[in-house]
Amino acid sequence: MFAHNYLYFAITIQLFNQNMMLLRSRSFNIYFLWVLAGLLTGCKTTEEKKKSKDASTIRLHLEVNADGTPHSGGVPIYRQQPIMVNVNREPFLTEGELQEASVVEALGGFAIKLQFNRHGSLVLDGTTTSYKGRRIGIQSQFTESRWLAAPLISQRLSNGVLVFTPDATREEAERIVRGLNNLTAAVKKRSRF
């Protein structure tokens, strides 16, 4: 009788071990499939990772009279045939007040459209109201630092939108816009917490 009990106990343990092996291999396969699916669907290509880390700046400087002080200076606008525009060295708007940037179709080409946040809209409105007839020197740093344009203030911009034709190729304009949007997204993400 003792021998039968021992045999019964040994068979039970053996069956239990076989079932555990099946359960372990099934759970391993399920976990393996989840990890594999996550790797295949959630990974970005190297190019996408690089593009998501691009950053650009945008600085708007007001044209001022040349007074010989270190607060202002001449900057070259347009690389082909540069014109010198004397601007205030301190920008009145930066990428910190930017809400969104985009490349838009314009007459005969493309333009960069900057949409500023509430504070930036108020500053742009006040500046364009007070300084009609002057230029806005627009500088950006993306892969290099460059003066992109100097549009003339001909009307009040009360909606917080500035559209200008940059001294850049379409690829450079898209790179600038992508970098600006990456930067504003990072700022928004940080300010939520």
C-alpha atoms as a PDB file:
ATOM      1  CA  MET A   1       0.000   0.000   0.000  1.00  0.00           C
ATOM      2  CA  PHE A   2       2.845   2.346   0.820  1.00  0.00           C
ATOM      3  CA  ALA A   3       4.380   1.582  -2.556  1.00  0.00           C
ATOM      4  CA  HIS A   4       1.125   2.486  -4.318  1.00  0.00           C
ATOM      5  CA  ASN A   5       0.856   5.786  -2.460  1.00  0.00           C
ATOM      6  CA  TYR A   6       4.435   6.591  -3.307  1.00  0.00           C
ATOM      7  CA  LEU A   7       3.826   5.761  -6.981  1.00  0.00           C
ATOM      8  CA  TYR A   8       0.653   7.894  -7.018  1.00  0.00           C
ATOM      9  CA  PHE A   9       2.518  10.803  -5.437  1.00  0.00           C
ATOM     10  CA  ALA A  10       5.401  10.485  -7.929  1.00  0.00           C
ATOM     11  CA  ILE A  11       3.008  10.427 -10.913  1.00  0.00           C
ATOM     12  CA  THR A  12       1.186  13.527  -9.601  1.00  0.00           C
ATOM     13  CA  ILE A  13       4.447  15.440  -9.246  1.00  0.00           C
ATOM     14  CA  GLN A  14       5.545  14.329 -12.706  1.00  0.00           C
ATOM     15  CA  LEU A  15       2.246  15.511 -14.290  1.00  0.00           C
ATOM     16  CA  PHE A  16       2.424  18.779 -12.384  1.00  0.00           C
ATOM     17  CA  ASN A  17       5.957  19.412 -13.656  1.00  0.00           C
ATOM     18  CA  GLN A  18       4.925  18.682 -17.257  1.00  0.00           C
ATOM     19  CA  ASN A  19       1.946  21.061 -16.987  1.00  0.00           C
ATOM     20  CA  MET A  20       4.148  23.769 -15.508  1.00  0.00           C
ATOM     21  CA  MET A  21       6.590  23.328 -18.359  1.00  0.00           C
ATOM     22  CA  LEU A  22       3.752  23.789 -20.845  1.00  0.00           C
ATOM     23  CA  LEU A  23       2.448  26.818 -18.967  1.00  0.00           C
ATOM     24  CA  ARG A  24       5.887  28.351 -18.710  1.00  0.00           C
ATOM     25  CA  SER A  25       6.613  27.900 -22.406  1.00  0.00           C
ATOM     26  CA  ARG A  26       3.204  29.326 -23.349  1.00  0.00           C
ATOM     27  CA  SER A  27       3.639  32.350 -21.114  1.00  0.00           C
ATOM     28  CA  PHE A  28       7.160  32.822 -22.429  1.00  0.00           C
ATOM     29  CA  ASN A  29       5.856  32.699 -26.006  1.00  0.00           C
ATOM     30  CA  ILE A  30       3.131  35.228 -25.201  1.00  0.00           C
ATOM     31  CA  TYR A  31       5.622  37.595 -23.575  1.00  0.00           C
ATOM     32  CA  PHE A  32       8.030  37.074 -26.452  1.00  0.00           C
ATOM     33  CA  LEU A  33       5.294  37.955 -28.965  1.00  0.00           C
ATOM     34  CA  TRP A  34       4.401  41.134 -27.036  1.00  0.00           C
ATOM     35  CA  VAL A  35       8.014  42.258 -26.958  1.00  0.00           C
ATOM     36  CA  LEU A  36       8.482  41.445 -30.634  1.00  0.00           C
ATOM     37  CA  ALA A  37       5.303  43.313 -31.610  1.00  0.00           C
ATOM     38  CA  GLY A  38       6.402  46.322 -29.556  1.00  0.00           C
ATOM     39  CA  LEU A  39       9.798  46.379 -31.203  1.00  0.00           C
ATOM     40  CA  LEU A  40       8.380  46.090 -34.701  1.00  0.00           C
ATOM     41  CA  THR A  41       5.660  48.714 -34.331  1.00  0.00           C
ATOM     42  CA  GLY A  42       7.147  51.158 -31.840  1.00  0.00           C
ATOM     43  CA  CYS A  43      10.598  51.737 -33.238  1.00  0.00           C
ATOM     44  CA  LYS A  44      11.453  54.815 -35.216  1.00  0.00           C
ATOM     45  CA  THR A  45      13.972  54.718 -37.986  1.00  0.00           C
ATOM     46  CA  THR A  46      17.247  56.492 -37.451  1.00  0.00           C
ATOM     47  CA  GLU A  47      16.117  59.273 -39.801  1.00  0.00           C
ATOM     48  CA  GLU A  48      12.855  59.786 -37.852  1.00  0.00           C
ATOM     49  CA  LYS A  49      14.764  59.919 -34.560  1.00  0.00           C
ATOM     50  CA  LYS A  50      17.149  62.471 -36.018  1.00  0.00           C
ATOM     51  CA  LYS A  51      14.305  64.626 -37.343  1.00  0.00           C
ATOM     52  CA  SER A  52      12.478  64.528 -34.012  1.00  0.00           C
ATOM     53  CA  LYS A  53      15.584  65.947 -32.312  1.00  0.00           C
ATOM     54  CA  ASP A  54      16.035  68.845 -34.759  1.00  0.00           C
ATOM     55  CA  ALA A  55      15.816  72.252 -33.109  1.00  0.00           C
ATOM     56  CA  SER A  56      15.710  75.723 -34.616  1.00  0.00           C
ATOM     57  CA  THR A  57      15.490  79.252 -33.320  1.00  0.00           C
ATOM     58  CA  ILE A  58      13.688  82.260 -34.736  1.00  0.00           C
ATOM     59  CA  ARG A  59      14.447  85.821 -33.664  1.00  0.00           C
ATOM     60  CA  LEU A  60      12.602  88.941 -34.806  1.00  0.00           C
ATOM     61  CA  HIS A  61      14.620  92.167 -34.600  1.00  0.00           C
ATOM     62  CA  LEU A  62      13.199  95.619 -35.237  1.00  0.00           C
ATOM     63  CA  GLU A  63      14.895  97.951 -37.710  1.00  0.00           C
ATOM     64  CA  VAL A  64      16.327 101.015 -35.952  1.00  0.00           C
ATOM     65  CA  ASN A  65      18.297 104.083 -36.972  1.00  0.00           C
ATOM     66  CA  ALA A  66      22.055 103.658 -36.982  1.00  0.00           C
ATOM     67  CA  ASP A  67      23.175 105.439 -33.832  1.00  0.00           C
ATOM     68  CA  GLY A  68      26.658 103.988 -33.384  1.00  0.00           C
ATOM     69  CA  THR A  69      25.843 102.304 -30.071  1.00  0.00           C
ATOM     70  CA  PRO A  70      26.473  98.624 -29.420  1.00  0.00           C
ATOM     71  CA  HIS A  71      22.698  98.106 -29.093  1.00  0.00           C
ATOM     72  CA  SER A  72      22.226  98.083 -32.866  1.00  0.00           C
ATOM     73  CA  GLY A  73      24.117  96.959 -35.912  1.00  0.00           C
ATOM     74  CA  GLY A  74      23.873  96.278 -39.616  1.00  0.00           C
ATOM     75  CA  VAL A  75      23.010  92.776 -40.771  1.00  0.00           C
ATOM     76  CA  PRO A  76      23.125  91.347 -44.311  1.00  0.00           C
ATOM     77  CA  ILE A  77      19.764  90.230 -45.687  1.00  0.00           C
ATOM     78  CA  TYR A  78      19.652  87.949 -48.766  1.00  0.00           C
ATOM     79  CA  ARG A  79      22.814  86.116 -49.634  1.00  0.00           C
ATOM     80  CA  GLN A  80      22.784  86.660 -53.427  1.00  0.00           C
ATOM     81  CA  GLN A  81      22.650  90.463 -53.300  1.00  0.00           C
ATOM     82  CA  PRO A  82      22.877  91.406 -49.636  1.00  0.00           C
ATOM     83  CA  ILE A  83      21.333  94.599 -48.375  1.00  0.00           C
ATOM     84  CA  MET A  84      22.368  95.932 -45.011  1.00  0.00           C
ATOM     85  CA  VAL A  85      19.576  96.545 -42.537  1.00  0.00           C
ATOM     86  CA  ASN A  86      20.359  98.178 -39.204  1.00  0.00           C
ATOM     87  CA  VAL A  87      18.505  96.296 -36.448  1.00  0.00           C
ATOM     88  CA  ASN A  88      18.260  96.308 -32.684  1.00  0.00           C
ATOM     89  CA  ARG A  89      20.498  93.511 -31.385  1.00  0.00           C
ATOM     90  CA  GLU A  90      17.856  92.432 -28.850  1.00  0.00           C
ATOM     91  CA  PRO A  91      14.970  90.546 -30.472  1.00  0.00           C
ATOM     92  CA  PHE A  92      11.436  91.641 -29.656  1.00  0.00           C
ATOM     93  CA  LEU A  93      10.055  88.128 -30.341  1.00  0.00           C
ATOM     94  CA  THR A  94      11.691  84.692 -30.164  1.00  0.00           C
ATOM     95  CA  GLU A  95      10.760  81.045 -30.520  1.00  0.00           C
ATOM     96  CA  GLY A  96       9.641  81.197 -26.872  1.00  0.00           C
ATOM     97  CA  GLU A  97       6.472  83.017 -27.932  1.00  0.00           C
ATOM     98  CA  LEU A  98       5.856  80.769 -30.934  1.00  0.00           C
ATOM     99  CA  GLN A  99       2.801  78.531 -31.007  1.00  0.00           C
ATOM    100  CA  GLU A 100       3.258  76.886 -34.408  1.00  0.00           C
ATOM    101  CA  ALA A 101       5.261  77.203 -37.614  1.00  0.00           C
ATOM    102  CA  SER A 102       4.529  75.897 -41.095  1.00  0.00           C
ATOM    103  CA  VAL A 103       5.690  76.090 -44.688  1.00  0.00           C
ATOM    104  CA  VAL A 104       2.868  77.440 -46.869  1.00  0.00           C
ATOM    105  CA  GLU A 105       2.453  77.927 -50.595  1.00  0.00           C
ATOM    106  CA  ALA A 106       2.897  81.513 -51.752  1.00  0.00           C
ATOM    107  CA  LEU A 107       2.858  83.325 -55.057  1.00  0.00           C
ATOM    108  CA  GLY A 108       5.641  81.768 -57.105  1.00  0.00           C
ATOM    109  CA  GLY A 109       7.019  79.578 -54.336  1.00  0.00           C
ATOM    110  CA  PHE A 110       6.699  79.068 -50.615  1.00  0.00           C
ATOM    111  CA  ALA A 111       6.765  81.034 -47.384  1.00  0.00           C
ATOM    112  CA  ILE A 112       7.160  80.388 -43.667  1.00  0.00           C
ATOM    113  CA  LYS A 113       4.124  81.093 -41.523  1.00  0.00           C
ATOM    114  CA  LEU A 114       4.670  81.823 -37.830  1.00  0.00           C
ATOM    115  CA  GLN A 115       1.699  81.696 -35.450  1.00  0.00           C
ATOM    116  CA  PHE A 116       2.525  83.276 -32.096  1.00  0.00           C
ATOM    117  CA  ASN A 117       0.908  82.574 -28.726  1.00  0.00           C
ATOM    118  CA  ARG A 118      -1.171  85.146 -26.850  1.00  0.00           C
ATOM    119  CA  HIS A 119       1.801  87.085 -25.513  1.00  0.00           C
ATOM    120  CA  GLY A 120       3.604  86.971 -28.851  1.00  0.00           C
ATOM    121  CA  SER A 121       0.456  88.134 -30.649  1.00  0.00           C
ATOM    122  CA  LEU A 122       0.183  91.155 -28.358  1.00  0.00           C
ATOM    123  CA  VAL A 123       3.851  92.052 -28.860  1.00  0.00           C
ATOM    124  CA  LEU A 124       3.584  91.623 -32.645  1.00  0.00           C
ATOM    125  CA  ASP A 125       0.418  93.719 -32.715  1.00  0.00           C
ATOM    126  CA  GLY A 126       2.003  96.527 -30.683  1.00  0.00           C
ATOM    127  CA  THR A 127       5.226  96.509 -32.696  1.00  0.00           C
ATOM    128  CA  THR A 128       3.552  96.508 -36.114  1.00  0.00           C
ATOM    129  CA  THR A 129       1.150  99.243 -35.000  1.00  0.00           C
ATOM    130  CA  SER A 130       3.893 101.511 -33.660  1.00  0.00           C
ATOM    131  CA  TYR A 131       6.576 100.986 -36.295  1.00  0.00           C
ATOM    132  CA  LYS A 132       4.890 101.013 -39.721  1.00  0.00           C
ATOM    133  CA  GLY A 133       7.399 101.624 -42.487  1.00  0.00           C
ATOM    134  CA  ARG A 134      10.244  99.831 -40.705  1.00  0.00           C
ATOM    135  CA  ARG A 135      11.545  96.329 -41.333  1.00  0.00           C
ATOM    136  CA  ILE A 136      11.610  93.217 -39.190  1.00  0.00           C
ATOM    137  CA  GLY A 137      14.955  91.418 -39.421  1.00  0.00           C
ATOM    138  CA  ILE A 138      14.284  87.689 -39.086  1.00  0.00           C
ATOM    139  CA  GLN A 139      17.157  85.478 -37.969  1.00  0.00           C
ATOM    140  CA  SER A 140      17.161  81.712 -37.542  1.00  0.00           C
ATOM    141  CA  GLN A 141      19.678  79.208 -36.317  1.00  0.00           C
ATOM    142  CA  PHE A 142      19.140  75.694 -37.652  1.00  0.00           C
ATOM    143  CA  THR A 143      22.254  74.037 -39.070  1.00  0.00           C
ATOM    144  CA  GLU A 144      23.762  77.522 -39.342  1.00  0.00           C
ATOM    145  CA  SER A 145      22.839  80.991 -38.172  1.00  0.00           C
ATOM    146  CA  ARG A 146      21.316  83.040 -40.983  1.00  0.00           C
ATOM    147  CA  TRP A 147      19.309  86.197 -41.571  1.00  0.00           C
ATOM    148  CA  LEU A 148      16.300  84.924 -43.500  1.00  0.00           C
ATOM    149  CA  ALA A 149      14.322  88.037 -44.398  1.00  0.00           C
ATOM    150  CA  ALA A 150      13.510  91.643 -43.595  1.00  0.00           C
ATOM    151  CA  PRO A 151       9.848  92.204 -44.468  1.00  0.00           C
ATOM    152  CA  LEU A 152       8.556  95.760 -44.413  1.00  0.00           C
ATOM    153  CA  ILE A 153       5.864  96.531 -41.838  1.00  0.00           C
ATOM    154  CA  SER A 154       3.057  97.810 -44.048  1.00  0.00           C
ATOM    155  CA  GLN A 155       0.074  96.991 -41.857  1.00  0.00           C
ATOM    156  CA  ARG A 156      -0.898  96.038 -38.344  1.00  0.00           C
ATOM    157  CA  LEU A 157      -0.631  92.306 -37.599  1.00  0.00           C
ATOM    158  CA  SER A 158      -3.243  91.844 -34.890  1.00  0.00           C
ATOM    159  CA  ASN A 159      -3.889  88.113 -35.398  1.00  0.00           C
ATOM    160  CA  GLY A 160      -0.432  86.956 -34.280  1.00  0.00           C
ATOM    161  CA  VAL A 161       0.485  85.556 -37.709  1.00  0.00           C
ATOM    162  CA  LEU A 162       3.598  86.569 -39.629  1.00  0.00           C
ATOM    163  CA  VAL A 163       4.176  85.146 -43.123  1.00  0.00           C
ATOM    164  CA  PHE A 164       7.468  85.822 -44.906  1.00  0.00           C
ATOM    165  CA  THR A 165       9.486  84.489 -47.833  1.00  0.00           C
ATOM    166  CA  PRO A 166      12.811  83.225 -46.473  1.00  0.00           C
ATOM    167  CA  ASP A 167      16.214  83.363 -48.102  1.00  0.00           C
ATOM    168  CA  ALA A 168      16.361  79.564 -47.981  1.00  0.00           C
ATOM    169  CA  THR A 169      15.619  76.510 -50.070  1.00  0.00           C
ATOM    170  CA  ARG A 170      12.387  74.608 -49.470  1.00  0.00           C
ATOM    171  CA  GLU A 171      14.344  71.860 -47.686  1.00  0.00           C
ATOM    172  CA  GLU A 172      15.980  74.410 -45.395  1.00  0.00           C
ATOM    173  CA  ALA A 173      12.605  76.043 -44.715  1.00  0.00           C
ATOM    174  CA  GLU A 174      11.086  72.659 -43.831  1.00  0.00           C
ATOM    175  CA  ARG A 175      14.074  71.944 -41.561  1.00  0.00           C
ATOM    176  CA  ILE A 176      13.618  75.318 -39.827  1.00  0.00           C
ATOM    177  CA  VAL A 177       9.886  74.742 -39.345  1.00  0.00           C
ATOM    178  CA  ARG A 178      10.398  71.168 -38.094  1.00  0.00           C
ATOM    179  CA  GLY A 179      12.983  72.397 -35.583  1.00  0.00           C
ATOM    180  CA  LEU A 180      10.694  75.187 -34.376  1.00  0.00           C
ATOM    181  CA  ASN A 181       7.741  72.819 -33.945  1.00  0.00           C
ATOM    182  CA  ASN A 182       9.928  70.277 -32.094  1.00  0.00           C
ATOM    183  CA  LEU A 183      11.059  73.044 -29.767  1.00  0.00           C
ATOM    184  CA  THR A 184       7.532  74.342 -29.087  1.00  0.00           C
ATOM    185  CA  ALA A 185       6.307  70.777 -28.473  1.00  0.00           C
ATOM    186  CA  ALA A 186       9.090  70.249 -25.932  1.00  0.00           C
ATOM    187  CA  VAL A 187       8.241  73.525 -24.182  1.00  0.00           C
ATOM    188  CA  LYS A 188       4.532  72.620 -24.064  1.00  0.00           C
ATOM    189  CA  LYS A 189       5.371  69.176 -22.699  1.00  0.00           C
ATOM    190  CA  ARG A 190       7.525  70.680 -19.934  1.00  0.00           C
ATOM    191  CA  SER A 191       5.004  73.358 -19.014  1.00  0.00           C
ATOM    192  CA  ARG A 192       2.210  70.798 -18.492  1.00  0.00           C
ATOM    193  CA  PHE A 193       3.963  69.450 -15.401  1.00  0.00           C
END
